């Protein structure tokens, strides 16, 4: 079955070009130039990933991202204007997993789409069996099923949030630097990312887990070094 990709941008040329490249890779693309129509589609169809432009009239991409995140955890990639650092941070805060700055190469976007889908559909299936499930103070993280619960209640994590938490759990008791987390999530794309990206995702994880920055039960900040989950 073809994976479904939602593509939304009020610039018709960009939307059509992105859709063409994705369709050539075998994806089923739902393209929209109007965010309101895109939202109706997202509410009816179960997508596998969304590509959203931030600067759109009526309902902008940030609001569309927020509305999608109310019910869905599939990956969201934001398209941002060059130098739109605040927009990038706001997008990540609202639950986006990655962003691409305009102008961009279509093949780069396709590569990021594939990377996000791999992370979402089959997180690191090569790991040894004993590493597939992590337990910590009521937190249960299952790498095989890509599920996370806290005190027996499901946590709706985005693929990026899940990956970050999985890295911290896998290295429980050790400090993991922001650079290392970047590499685990975005591989060789580190140099393109903002220094604030990881801290934004960590903040969202803490919010979802009901964790405290001052007295953390799960994710501790080690100043000047990184983050860790106590052993």
Protein backbone atom coordinates (compact mmCIF):
# COMPACT_ATOMS: atom_id res chain seq x y z
CA UNK A 1 0.00 0.00 0.00
CA UNK A 2 1.33 3.43 -0.94
CA UNK A 3 2.26 5.73 1.91
CA UNK A 4 0.11 8.87 2.02
CA UNK A 5 1.77 12.28 2.09
CA UNK A 6 -0.09 15.55 2.72
CA UNK A 7 1.54 18.52 0.95
CA UNK A 8 0.24 22.03 1.66
CA UNK A 9 1.61 25.30 0.22
CA UNK A 10 -0.26 28.28 -1.19
CA UNK A 11 2.47 28.63 -3.86
CA UNK A 12 1.09 26.36 -6.58
CA UNK A 13 4.44 25.88 -8.34
CA UNK A 14 6.11 24.59 -5.17
CA UNK A 15 3.21 22.30 -4.25
CA UNK A 16 3.05 20.79 -7.74
CA UNK A 17 6.82 20.30 -7.89
CA UNK A 18 7.01 18.60 -4.49
CA UNK A 19 4.03 16.41 -5.34
CA UNK A 20 5.62 15.38 -8.63
CA UNK A 21 8.87 14.30 -6.99
CA UNK A 22 7.07 12.39 -4.24
CA UNK A 23 4.75 10.65 -6.70
CA UNK A 24 7.78 9.62 -8.76
CA UNK A 25 9.07 7.90 -5.60
CA UNK A 26 5.84 5.91 -5.30
CA UNK A 27 4.02 7.96 -2.65
CA UNK A 28 0.32 8.81 -2.77
CA UNK A 29 0.20 12.60 -2.52
CA UNK A 30 -2.67 14.74 -1.31
CA UNK A 31 -1.77 18.27 -2.39
CA UNK A 32 -3.54 21.46 -1.37
CA UNK A 33 -3.01 25.18 -1.95
CA UNK A 34 -5.52 26.04 0.80
CA UNK A 35 -4.80 25.05 4.42
CA UNK A 36 -8.49 24.88 5.30
CA UNK A 37 -9.14 22.27 2.62
CA UNK A 38 -5.99 20.43 3.71
CA UNK A 39 -7.27 20.28 7.29
CA UNK A 40 -10.56 18.74 6.13
CA UNK A 41 -8.57 16.07 4.29
CA UNK A 42 -6.30 15.43 7.29
CA UNK A 43 -9.37 14.90 9.46
CA UNK A 44 -10.81 12.31 7.06
CA UNK A 45 -7.72 10.51 5.76
CA UNK A 46 -5.06 8.75 7.84
CA UNK A 47 -1.80 10.18 6.52
CA UNK A 48 1.74 8.85 6.97
CA UNK A 49 3.47 12.26 6.82
CA UNK A 50 2.70 15.94 6.19
CA UNK A 51 4.73 18.69 4.51
CA UNK A 52 3.39 22.11 5.55
CA UNK A 53 4.41 25.58 4.46
CA UNK A 54 4.42 28.04 7.36
CA UNK A 55 3.48 31.26 5.52
CA UNK A 56 -0.07 30.71 4.31
CA UNK A 57 -3.16 32.95 4.42
CA UNK A 58 -6.22 32.18 6.57
CA UNK A 59 -4.78 29.24 8.56
CA UNK A 60 -0.98 29.26 8.57
CA UNK A 61 1.23 26.18 8.71
CA UNK A 62 1.93 26.53 12.44
CA UNK A 63 -1.76 26.47 13.29
CA UNK A 64 -2.32 23.60 10.87
CA UNK A 65 0.51 21.69 12.57
CA UNK A 66 -1.06 22.31 15.98
CA UNK A 67 -4.47 21.09 14.81
CA UNK A 68 -3.02 17.94 13.25
CA UNK A 69 -1.08 17.19 16.42
CA UNK A 70 -4.30 17.14 18.43
CA UNK A 71 -5.10 13.72 16.94
CA UNK A 72 -2.09 12.45 15.01
CA UNK A 73 1.57 11.65 15.70
CA UNK A 74 2.82 11.03 12.15
CA UNK A 75 5.87 13.08 11.07
CA UNK A 76 5.43 16.72 10.06
CA UNK A 77 8.03 18.62 8.01
CA UNK A 78 7.71 22.41 7.90
CA UNK A 79 8.75 24.58 4.94
CA UNK A 80 10.17 27.88 6.21
CA UNK A 81 11.45 31.11 4.71
CA UNK A 82 15.19 31.73 4.82
CA UNK A 83 16.15 33.22 8.18
CA UNK A 84 12.83 32.34 9.80
CA UNK A 85 14.45 31.12 13.02
CA UNK A 86 11.47 32.01 15.22
CA UNK A 87 9.12 30.15 12.88
CA UNK A 88 11.35 27.08 13.08
CA UNK A 89 11.35 27.10 16.87
CA UNK A 90 7.59 27.69 16.99
CA UNK A 91 7.06 24.81 14.58
CA UNK A 92 9.12 22.44 16.69
CA UNK A 93 7.32 23.59 19.81
CA UNK A 94 3.97 22.77 18.20
CA UNK A 95 5.13 19.27 17.29
CA UNK A 96 6.93 19.45 13.94
CA UNK A 97 9.72 16.91 13.45
CA UNK A 98 11.90 18.68 10.89
CA UNK A 99 12.04 21.76 8.70
CA UNK A 100 13.37 22.65 5.27
CA UNK A 101 14.37 26.20 4.40
CA UNK A 102 13.26 27.73 1.08
CA UNK A 103 14.61 27.66 -1.52
CA UNK A 104 15.34 23.93 -1.32
CA UNK A 105 16.26 21.07 -3.62
CA UNK A 106 13.26 18.73 -4.15
CA UNK A 107 15.51 15.69 -3.83
CA UNK A 108 16.64 16.89 -0.39
CA UNK A 109 13.02 17.13 0.74
CA UNK A 110 12.32 13.65 -0.63
CA UNK A 111 15.31 12.31 1.32
CA UNK A 112 14.03 13.90 4.52
CA UNK A 113 10.55 12.49 3.92
CA UNK A 114 12.01 8.99 3.57
CA UNK A 115 14.17 9.42 6.69
CA UNK A 116 11.19 10.55 8.78
CA UNK A 117 9.05 7.67 7.52
CA UNK A 118 11.79 5.13 8.33
CA UNK A 119 12.01 6.49 11.85
CA UNK A 120 8.24 6.48 12.25
CA UNK A 121 7.50 3.07 10.73
CA UNK A 122 10.45 0.96 11.82
CA UNK A 123 12.63 2.53 14.46
CA UNK A 124 16.04 0.86 14.49
CA UNK A 125 14.84 -2.70 13.99
CA UNK A 126 18.44 -3.94 13.92
CA UNK A 127 18.89 -3.55 17.68
CA UNK A 128 19.34 -6.61 19.85
CA UNK A 129 16.20 -8.08 21.44
CA UNK A 130 17.21 -7.13 24.96
CA UNK A 131 17.23 -3.46 23.94
CA UNK A 132 13.74 -3.39 22.46
CA UNK A 133 11.89 -2.37 25.64
CA UNK A 134 13.04 0.10 28.30
CA UNK A 135 11.54 0.56 31.77
CA UNK A 136 12.14 3.52 34.07
CA UNK A 137 9.97 4.78 36.94
CA UNK A 138 6.69 3.90 35.27
CA UNK A 139 7.97 4.77 31.79
CA UNK A 140 7.82 1.95 29.23
CA UNK A 141 9.37 2.51 25.80
CA UNK A 142 8.94 -0.23 23.22
CA UNK A 143 11.23 0.21 20.21
CA UNK A 144 9.70 -2.71 18.35
CA UNK A 145 6.10 -1.45 18.42
CA UNK A 146 7.07 2.24 18.63
CA UNK A 147 4.84 2.68 21.69
CA UNK A 148 5.42 4.62 24.88
CA UNK A 149 3.42 4.58 28.11
CA UNK A 150 3.85 6.44 31.39
CA UNK A 151 2.19 4.99 34.48
CA UNK A 152 0.19 2.74 32.12
CA UNK A 153 -1.14 5.71 30.14
CA UNK A 154 -0.09 6.09 26.47
CA UNK A 155 2.15 9.03 25.55
CA UNK A 156 1.51 10.46 22.08
CA UNK A 157 5.07 11.19 20.95
CA UNK A 158 6.15 12.46 17.57
CA UNK A 159 8.81 10.37 15.78
CA UNK A 160 11.51 12.87 16.74
CA UNK A 161 10.44 12.92 20.40
CA UNK A 162 10.37 9.12 20.44
CA UNK A 163 13.86 8.92 18.94
CA UNK A 164 15.32 11.37 21.46
CA UNK A 165 13.73 9.52 24.37
CA UNK A 166 14.94 6.18 22.98
CA UNK A 167 18.54 7.45 22.76
CA UNK A 168 18.40 8.73 26.35
CA UNK A 169 16.91 5.44 27.58
CA UNK A 170 19.46 3.38 25.67
CA UNK A 171 22.25 5.38 27.35
CA UNK A 172 20.53 5.53 30.72
CA UNK A 173 22.86 6.87 33.40
CA UNK A 174 25.17 8.55 30.88
CA UNK A 175 25.14 12.14 29.66
CA UNK A 176 24.16 12.50 25.99
CA UNK A 177 25.27 15.74 24.33
CA UNK A 178 22.97 17.82 22.15
CA UNK A 179 25.34 17.12 19.24
CA UNK A 180 24.97 13.37 19.73
CA UNK A 181 21.19 13.64 19.89
CA UNK A 182 21.29 15.71 16.69
CA UNK A 183 23.30 13.00 14.96
CA UNK A 184 20.92 10.24 16.10
CA UNK A 185 17.88 12.14 14.86
CA UNK A 186 19.13 13.91 11.73
CA UNK A 187 22.34 12.03 10.89
CA UNK A 188 24.66 14.15 8.72
CA UNK A 189 22.23 17.08 8.58
CA UNK A 190 23.50 18.42 11.93
CA UNK A 191 25.23 21.45 10.50
CA UNK A 192 21.94 22.76 9.08
CA UNK A 193 20.10 22.75 12.39
CA UNK A 194 19.55 25.37 15.06
CA UNK A 195 21.20 24.99 18.45
CA UNK A 196 17.74 25.44 19.97
CA UNK A 197 16.18 22.45 18.21
CA UNK A 198 17.02 19.75 20.75
CA UNK A 199 16.12 21.93 23.74
CA UNK A 200 12.69 22.61 22.21
CA UNK A 201 12.03 18.88 21.78
CA UNK A 202 13.26 18.16 25.31
CA UNK A 203 10.89 20.81 26.65
CA UNK A 204 7.97 19.21 24.81
CA UNK A 205 8.91 15.78 26.12
CA UNK A 206 8.96 17.11 29.67
CA UNK A 207 5.56 18.72 29.20
CA UNK A 208 4.05 15.50 27.91
CA UNK A 209 5.64 13.47 30.73
CA UNK A 210 4.70 15.98 33.42
CA UNK A 211 8.39 16.30 34.21
CA UNK A 212 10.04 19.26 35.91
CA UNK A 213 13.11 21.17 34.74
CA UNK A 214 14.00 22.16 38.32
CA UNK A 215 13.41 18.72 39.89
CA UNK A 216 13.40 16.27 36.99
CA UNK A 217 12.16 12.74 37.54
CA UNK A 218 13.07 11.58 34.05
CA UNK A 219 15.16 13.91 31.87
CA UNK A 220 17.91 15.82 33.65
CA UNK A 221 19.85 18.72 32.12
CA UNK A 222 23.58 18.54 32.80
CA UNK A 223 24.76 22.10 32.25
CA UNK A 224 27.38 22.45 29.53
CA UNK A 225 27.24 18.73 28.75
CA UNK A 226 23.81 17.57 27.62
CA UNK A 227 20.95 15.47 28.98
CA UNK A 228 20.53 12.17 30.75
CA UNK A 229 18.09 9.79 32.35
CA UNK A 230 19.37 8.77 35.77
CA UNK A 231 20.37 5.13 36.09
